[in-house]
Protein backbone atom coordinates (compact mmCIF):
# COMPACT_ATOMS: atom_id res chain seq x y z
CA UNK A 1 0.36 0.25 -0.09
CA UNK A 2 1.05 3.53 -0.78
CA UNK A 3 -0.44 6.83 1.03
CA UNK A 4 -0.07 9.91 -0.41
CA UNK A 5 -0.44 12.80 1.53
CA UNK A 6 -1.39 16.87 -0.02
CA UNK A 7 -0.50 19.87 0.78
CA UNK A 8 -0.84 23.13 -0.49
CA UNK A 9 -3.52 24.74 -2.67
CA UNK A 10 -5.70 28.15 -1.92
CA UNK A 11 -6.52 31.23 -2.84
CA UNK A 12 -4.67 32.95 -5.75
CA UNK A 13 -5.72 35.63 -7.94
CA UNK A 14 -5.18 35.58 -11.65
CA UNK A 15 -1.28 35.62 -12.55
CA UNK A 16 -0.25 34.25 -9.28
CA UNK A 17 1.63 31.33 -8.48
CA UNK A 18 1.52 27.99 -6.31
CA UNK A 19 3.01 24.87 -5.21
CA UNK A 20 1.57 21.70 -4.54
CA UNK A 21 3.36 19.10 -2.58
CA UNK A 22 2.34 15.68 -2.27
CA UNK A 23 4.19 12.91 -0.20
CA UNK A 24 4.20 9.54 -0.72
CA UNK A 25 5.30 6.87 2.29
CA UNK A 26 4.44 3.20 2.16
CA UNK A 27 5.64 0.48 -0.45
CA UNK A 28 6.75 3.39 -2.57
CA UNK A 29 9.32 0.81 -4.08
CA UNK A 30 6.45 -0.24 -6.27
CA UNK A 31 5.80 3.60 -7.63
CA UNK A 32 6.87 4.02 -11.33
CA UNK A 33 4.63 7.04 -12.17
CA UNK A 34 3.41 9.96 -9.66
CA UNK A 35 1.07 12.57 -11.31
CA UNK A 36 -1.73 15.60 -10.38
CA UNK A 37 -5.26 15.31 -11.90
CA UNK A 38 -7.98 17.80 -11.34
CA UNK A 39 -11.34 17.85 -11.51
CA UNK A 40 -13.78 21.37 -11.97
CA UNK A 41 -17.42 21.89 -11.06
CA UNK A 42 -19.11 20.01 -13.94
CA UNK A 43 -16.52 18.66 -15.77
CA UNK A 44 -14.74 15.24 -15.72
CA UNK A 45 -11.56 14.66 -13.88
CA UNK A 46 -8.57 15.40 -16.12
CA UNK A 47 -4.43 14.33 -16.09
CA UNK A 48 -2.47 17.68 -15.42
CA UNK A 49 0.63 16.51 -15.35
CA UNK A 50 2.48 13.11 -15.06
CA UNK A 51 6.01 12.11 -14.26
CA UNK A 52 7.95 9.08 -14.18
CA UNK A 53 10.92 7.48 -11.41
CA UNK A 54 12.91 8.37 -13.92
CA UNK A 55 11.92 12.34 -13.88
CA UNK A 56 10.08 12.35 -17.56
CA UNK A 57 7.49 14.83 -17.42
CA UNK A 58 4.05 14.98 -19.36
CA UNK A 59 1.50 17.62 -19.60
CA UNK A 60 -1.44 18.45 -20.75
CA UNK A 61 -1.92 21.28 -23.07
CA UNK A 62 -3.52 23.38 -21.59
CA UNK A 63 -1.07 23.85 -18.84
CA UNK A 64 2.16 23.23 -21.04
CA UNK A 65 4.83 26.52 -20.23
CA UNK A 66 2.42 27.06 -16.77
CA UNK A 67 2.99 24.31 -14.87
CA UNK A 68 6.53 22.28 -13.68
CA UNK A 69 6.33 18.93 -12.00
CA UNK A 70 9.02 17.47 -10.00
CA UNK A 71 10.02 14.97 -7.70
CA UNK A 72 12.55 14.86 -5.17
CA UNK A 73 13.15 11.02 -4.83
CA UNK A 74 15.04 11.68 -1.20
CA UNK A 75 11.81 13.11 0.08
CA UNK A 76 9.36 11.06 -1.18
CA UNK A 77 7.24 13.85 -2.59
CA UNK A 78 6.10 15.30 -6.15
CA UNK A 79 5.47 18.98 -7.02
CA UNK A 80 2.92 20.72 -8.79
CA UNK A 81 4.01 24.80 -9.25
CA UNK A 82 1.85 26.29 -11.06
CA UNK A 83 2.26 29.95 -12.56
CA UNK A 84 0.69 32.01 -14.78
CA UNK A 85 -2.46 31.02 -13.21
CA UNK A 86 -5.98 31.77 -14.58
CA UNK A 87 -9.42 31.12 -13.93
CA UNK A 88 -10.34 28.25 -15.76
CA UNK A 89 -7.55 26.23 -13.42
CA UNK A 90 -9.67 26.56 -10.32
CA UNK A 91 -10.16 22.35 -9.55
CA UNK A 92 -9.72 20.32 -6.91
CA UNK A 93 -6.44 19.10 -7.73
CA UNK A 94 -5.16 15.52 -6.86
CA UNK A 95 -2.09 14.08 -6.53
CA UNK A 96 -1.60 10.33 -7.69
CA UNK A 97 0.71 7.08 -8.11
CA UNK A 98 0.52 3.96 -10.32
CA UNK A 99 2.41 1.11 -10.25
CA UNK A 100 2.43 1.38 -14.41
CA UNK A 101 0.83 4.61 -15.36
CA UNK A 102 -1.20 7.42 -14.08
CA UNK A 103 -3.42 7.09 -16.75
CA UNK A 104 -5.64 4.37 -14.34
CA UNK A 105 -3.52 5.31 -11.19
CA UNK A 106 -3.55 2.97 -7.84
CA UNK A 107 -2.88 5.55 -5.04
CA UNK A 108 -4.96 8.58 -4.49
CA UNK A 109 -4.43 11.79 -2.42
CA UNK A 110 -6.88 13.65 -0.59
CA UNK A 111 -7.67 16.26 -3.07
CA UNK A 112 -6.70 20.17 -2.71
CA UNK A 113 -8.88 23.28 -3.50
CA UNK A 114 -7.29 25.58 -5.84
CA UNK A 115 -9.30 28.79 -6.17
CA UNK A 116 -7.95 31.21 -8.87
CA UNK A 117 -10.22 34.57 -8.16
CA UNK A 118 -10.16 38.37 -8.31
């Protein structure tokens, strides 16, 4: 089993920045990829960013150039740095981990609200 505990998030003005953190514990040796999903009200959950155990990142087109996913293997933590935030980034963000892929995650964090509003 793997436990994921998220921190960060909150309210920020358009153009601002936030950083989300996701600390993993448990059987982390089994994890190949980690990522971040988000779900806005009335919308399906979407995969925003992912990173493999080798550090290779991928992003959905809408956040490319604005969001950066990174991982600190020594701390077993994944980060999502979000810059130039837009109102349409408002959503609940979920950390996830997959034994093989985050397209079908095996583990989820508790979720954290990100609100971009003036």
